[in-house]
Amino acid sequence: MDFQPYDRETGLPVNEKYLECGLPLYLQLSIKNIAASWEIEDSGKKDYHWDIAWCELNADINAAESGQEISPRQAWYLRKKYLRMERED
């Protein structure tokens, strides 16, 4: 049996990968594009399309959140993981 640890305070899984389930297809494609771009950048090479992929994903996250296709929690999870943004509260 696989045991998934949960946060005692929130009752939510500690592994937040579940926040990527059921994303709209356009958002999945934008994530795929930025992941490929980050892979190039992180290897030390220059991806001349990185800024396009980053802006596209940022716009798609904002659209999905404002259109209530994803929750604010999902939106910030995606921003942190794929755009490498930090939330300033």
N, C-alpha and C. Protein backbone atom coordinates (compact mmCIF):
# COMPACT_ATOMS: atom_id res chain seq x y z
N MET A 1 0.84 -1.18 0.00
CA MET A 1 0.00 0.00 0.00
C MET A 1 0.88 1.25 0.00
N ASP A 2 0.59 2.18 -0.87
CA ASP A 2 1.33 3.44 -0.95
C ASP A 2 0.78 4.44 0.06
N PHE A 3 1.62 4.94 0.92
CA PHE A 3 1.20 5.93 1.90
C PHE A 3 1.60 7.32 1.41
N GLN A 4 0.65 8.21 1.32
CA GLN A 4 0.91 9.59 0.93
C GLN A 4 0.82 10.47 2.19
N PRO A 5 1.92 11.13 2.57
CA PRO A 5 1.86 11.98 3.77
C PRO A 5 0.97 13.21 3.55
N TYR A 6 0.24 13.57 4.59
CA TYR A 6 -0.65 14.72 4.55
C TYR A 6 -0.23 15.74 5.58
N ASP A 7 -0.49 17.00 5.28
CA ASP A 7 -0.23 18.10 6.21
C ASP A 7 -1.27 18.01 7.33
N ARG A 8 -0.83 17.96 8.57
CA ARG A 8 -1.74 17.83 9.72
C ARG A 8 -2.68 19.03 9.86
N GLU A 9 -2.23 20.21 9.47
CA GLU A 9 -3.06 21.42 9.62
C GLU A 9 -4.11 21.55 8.53
N THR A 10 -3.72 21.29 7.27
CA THR A 10 -4.64 21.51 6.16
C THR A 10 -5.36 20.24 5.71
N GLY A 11 -4.77 19.09 5.99
CA GLY A 11 -5.34 17.83 5.51
C GLY A 11 -5.03 17.55 4.05
N LEU A 12 -4.25 18.42 3.42
CA LEU A 12 -3.89 18.26 2.01
C LEU A 12 -2.61 17.44 1.87
N PRO A 13 -2.45 16.75 0.75
CA PRO A 13 -1.20 16.00 0.54
C PRO A 13 0.01 16.94 0.59
N VAL A 14 1.11 16.43 1.15
CA VAL A 14 2.35 17.21 1.21
C VAL A 14 2.89 17.40 -0.20
N ASN A 15 2.82 16.35 -1.02
CA ASN A 15 3.24 16.45 -2.42
C ASN A 15 2.14 17.16 -3.20
N GLU A 16 2.45 18.34 -3.71
CA GLU A 16 1.43 19.17 -4.37
C GLU A 16 1.25 18.86 -5.85
N LYS A 17 1.80 17.77 -6.32
CA LYS A 17 1.68 17.38 -7.72
C LYS A 17 0.21 17.26 -8.15
N TYR A 18 -0.68 16.97 -7.22
CA TYR A 18 -2.10 16.86 -7.53
C TYR A 18 -2.66 18.15 -8.12
N LEU A 19 -2.00 19.27 -7.86
CA LEU A 19 -2.46 20.56 -8.37
C LEU A 19 -2.29 20.68 -9.89
N GLU A 20 -1.60 19.73 -10.49
CA GLU A 20 -1.42 19.73 -11.95
C GLU A 20 -2.45 18.83 -12.66
N CYS A 21 -3.31 18.19 -11.91
CA CYS A 21 -4.32 17.31 -12.51
C CYS A 21 -5.47 18.12 -13.10
N GLY A 22 -5.93 17.71 -14.26
CA GLY A 22 -7.11 18.32 -14.86
C GLY A 22 -6.91 19.71 -15.41
N LEU A 23 -5.68 20.08 -15.73
CA LEU A 23 -5.43 21.42 -16.28
C LEU A 23 -5.97 21.50 -17.71
N PRO A 24 -6.43 22.69 -18.12
CA PRO A 24 -6.87 22.87 -19.50
C PRO A 24 -5.73 22.55 -20.48
N LEU A 25 -6.08 22.07 -21.66
CA LEU A 25 -5.07 21.66 -22.64
C LEU A 25 -4.12 22.79 -23.02
N TYR A 26 -4.64 24.02 -23.17
CA TYR A 26 -3.76 25.13 -23.54
C TYR A 26 -2.72 25.40 -22.47
N LEU A 27 -3.10 25.18 -21.22
CA LEU A 27 -2.16 25.38 -20.12
C LEU A 27 -1.13 24.25 -20.09
N GLN A 28 -1.55 23.04 -20.37
CA GLN A 28 -0.62 21.91 -20.45
C GLN A 28 0.42 22.14 -21.54
N LEU A 29 0.00 22.68 -22.67
CA LEU A 29 0.94 22.96 -23.76
C LEU A 29 1.94 24.05 -23.37
N SER A 30 1.46 25.10 -22.73
CA SER A 30 2.35 26.18 -22.28
C SER A 30 3.37 25.66 -21.26
N ILE A 31 2.93 24.76 -20.39
CA ILE A 31 3.84 24.17 -19.40
C ILE A 31 4.90 23.33 -20.11
N LYS A 32 4.48 22.56 -21.09
CA LYS A 32 5.42 21.74 -21.87
C LYS A 32 6.46 22.63 -22.54
N ASN A 33 6.03 23.76 -23.11
CA ASN A 33 6.95 24.67 -23.81
C ASN A 33 7.95 25.30 -22.85
N ILE A 34 7.50 25.76 -21.68
CA ILE A 34 8.44 26.40 -20.75
C ILE A 34 9.37 25.37 -20.13
N ALA A 35 8.90 24.16 -19.91
CA ALA A 35 9.76 23.10 -19.36
C ALA A 35 10.90 22.80 -20.33
N ALA A 36 10.58 22.73 -21.61
CA ALA A 36 11.62 22.49 -22.62
C ALA A 36 12.59 23.66 -22.68
N SER A 37 12.07 24.86 -22.56
CA SER A 37 12.91 26.05 -22.59
C SER A 37 13.83 26.12 -21.38
N TRP A 38 13.28 25.82 -20.19
CA TRP A 38 14.11 25.81 -18.98
C TRP A 38 15.21 24.76 -19.08
N GLU A 39 14.90 23.62 -19.69
CA GLU A 39 15.90 22.57 -19.83
C GLU A 39 17.11 23.08 -20.62
N ILE A 40 16.85 23.82 -21.68
CA ILE A 40 17.93 24.41 -22.48
C ILE A 40 18.70 25.43 -21.66
N GLU A 41 17.98 26.35 -21.03
CA GLU A 41 18.61 27.41 -20.23
C GLU A 41 19.43 26.83 -19.07
N ASP A 42 18.86 25.84 -18.38
CA ASP A 42 19.55 25.25 -17.23
C ASP A 42 20.79 24.47 -17.62
N SER A 43 20.88 24.06 -18.89
CA SER A 43 22.06 23.35 -19.36
C SER A 43 23.20 24.31 -19.70
N GLY A 44 22.92 25.61 -19.59
CA GLY A 44 23.95 26.60 -19.87
C GLY A 44 23.88 27.18 -21.27
N LYS A 45 22.96 26.67 -22.06
CA LYS A 45 22.78 27.19 -23.42
C LYS A 45 21.74 28.30 -23.40
N LYS A 46 21.63 29.00 -24.50
CA LYS A 46 20.68 30.11 -24.63
C LYS A 46 19.49 29.66 -25.47
N ASP A 47 18.29 29.79 -24.90
CA ASP A 47 17.07 29.53 -25.67
C ASP A 47 16.48 30.89 -26.02
N TYR A 48 16.51 31.23 -27.28
CA TYR A 48 16.05 32.54 -27.72
C TYR A 48 14.53 32.66 -27.71
N HIS A 49 13.85 31.59 -27.38
CA HIS A 49 12.38 31.62 -27.28
C HIS A 49 11.91 31.53 -25.83
N TRP A 50 12.86 31.54 -24.88
CA TRP A 50 12.51 31.42 -23.47
C TRP A 50 11.52 32.50 -23.04
N ASP A 51 11.77 33.74 -23.40
CA ASP A 51 10.90 34.83 -22.95
C ASP A 51 9.48 34.68 -23.52
N ILE A 52 9.37 34.15 -24.72
CA ILE A 52 8.05 33.92 -25.31
C ILE A 52 7.32 32.84 -24.52
N ALA A 53 8.02 31.73 -24.25
CA ALA A 53 7.41 30.64 -23.50
C ALA A 53 7.01 31.09 -22.10
N TRP A 54 7.87 31.87 -21.45
CA TRP A 54 7.59 32.36 -20.09
C TRP A 54 6.35 33.25 -20.09
N CYS A 55 6.31 34.22 -21.00
CA CYS A 55 5.18 35.15 -21.06
C CYS A 55 3.88 34.43 -21.43
N GLU A 56 3.98 33.45 -22.33
CA GLU A 56 2.79 32.70 -22.73
C GLU A 56 2.22 31.93 -21.55
N LEU A 57 3.08 31.25 -20.79
CA LEU A 57 2.59 30.51 -19.63
C LEU A 57 2.03 31.45 -18.58
N ASN A 58 2.70 32.55 -18.33
CA ASN A 58 2.21 33.51 -17.35
C ASN A 58 0.81 34.01 -17.74
N ALA A 59 0.62 34.34 -19.00
CA ALA A 59 -0.68 34.81 -19.49
C ALA A 59 -1.73 33.70 -19.39
N ASP A 60 -1.33 32.47 -19.71
CA ASP A 60 -2.28 31.36 -19.65
C ASP A 60 -2.69 31.03 -18.22
N ILE A 61 -1.75 31.11 -17.29
CA ILE A 61 -2.09 30.90 -15.88
C ILE A 61 -3.08 31.97 -15.43
N ASN A 62 -2.78 33.23 -15.78
CA ASN A 62 -3.68 34.32 -15.39
C ASN A 62 -5.06 34.15 -15.99
N ALA A 63 -5.13 33.75 -17.26
CA ALA A 63 -6.42 33.55 -17.92
C ALA A 63 -7.20 32.41 -17.28
N ALA A 64 -6.51 31.31 -17.00
CA ALA A 64 -7.17 30.16 -16.39
C ALA A 64 -7.66 30.48 -14.98
N GLU A 65 -6.88 31.26 -14.25
CA GLU A 65 -7.29 31.64 -12.90
C GLU A 65 -8.47 32.60 -12.94
N SER A 66 -8.39 33.63 -13.77
CA SER A 66 -9.49 34.60 -13.82
C SER A 66 -10.75 33.99 -14.43
N GLY A 67 -10.60 32.99 -15.29
CA GLY A 67 -11.75 32.29 -15.86
C GLY A 67 -12.24 31.16 -14.96
N GLN A 68 -11.66 31.03 -13.80
CA GLN A 68 -12.00 30.03 -12.80
C GLN A 68 -11.87 28.59 -13.32
N GLU A 69 -10.92 28.39 -14.23
CA GLU A 69 -10.60 27.04 -14.69
C GLU A 69 -9.63 26.36 -13.74
N ILE A 70 -8.87 27.17 -13.01
CA ILE A 70 -7.97 26.69 -11.96
C ILE A 70 -8.15 27.58 -10.75
N SER A 71 -7.79 27.05 -9.60
CA SER A 71 -7.91 27.81 -8.35
C SER A 71 -6.70 28.74 -8.18
N PRO A 72 -6.84 29.74 -7.31
CA PRO A 72 -5.67 30.57 -7.00
C PRO A 72 -4.51 29.75 -6.44
N ARG A 73 -4.82 28.70 -5.68
CA ARG A 73 -3.77 27.83 -5.13
C ARG A 73 -3.02 27.13 -6.28
N GLN A 74 -3.78 26.63 -7.26
CA GLN A 74 -3.14 25.99 -8.42
C GLN A 74 -2.30 27.00 -9.19
N ALA A 75 -2.85 28.20 -9.37
CA ALA A 75 -2.13 29.23 -10.13
C ALA A 75 -0.79 29.52 -9.48
N TRP A 76 -0.77 29.69 -8.17
CA TRP A 76 0.51 30.00 -7.52
C TRP A 76 1.45 28.82 -7.51
N TYR A 77 0.93 27.62 -7.42
CA TYR A 77 1.77 26.43 -7.53
C TYR A 77 2.47 26.42 -8.89
N LEU A 78 1.71 26.67 -9.96
CA LEU A 78 2.27 26.66 -11.31
C LEU A 78 3.27 27.79 -11.51
N ARG A 79 2.95 28.98 -10.99
CA ARG A 79 3.88 30.10 -11.11
C ARG A 79 5.22 29.79 -10.43
N LYS A 80 5.12 29.21 -9.24
CA LYS A 80 6.34 28.90 -8.49
C LYS A 80 7.15 27.81 -9.19
N LYS A 81 6.48 26.74 -9.61
CA LYS A 81 7.18 25.60 -10.19
C LYS A 81 7.72 25.90 -11.58
N TYR A 82 6.92 26.50 -12.45
CA TYR A 82 7.32 26.64 -13.85
C TYR A 82 7.84 28.01 -14.24
N LEU A 83 7.40 29.05 -13.54
CA LEU A 83 7.89 30.40 -13.84
C LEU A 83 8.97 30.83 -12.86
N ARG A 84 9.12 30.03 -11.81
CA ARG A 84 10.11 30.28 -10.76
C ARG A 84 9.87 31.62 -10.08
N MET A 85 8.60 31.90 -9.88
CA MET A 85 8.19 33.13 -9.21
C MET A 85 7.99 32.83 -7.73
N GLU A 86 8.18 33.83 -6.91
CA GLU A 86 7.89 33.72 -5.48
C GLU A 86 6.77 34.69 -5.16
N ARG A 87 5.87 34.24 -4.33
CA ARG A 87 4.74 35.07 -3.93
C ARG A 87 5.18 36.00 -2.79
N GLU A 88 4.87 37.26 -2.96
CA GLU A 88 5.16 38.24 -1.91
C GLU A 88 3.85 38.62 -1.26
N ASP A 89 3.65 38.12 -0.04
CA ASP A 89 2.38 38.40 0.68
C ASP A 89 2.42 39.70 1.42
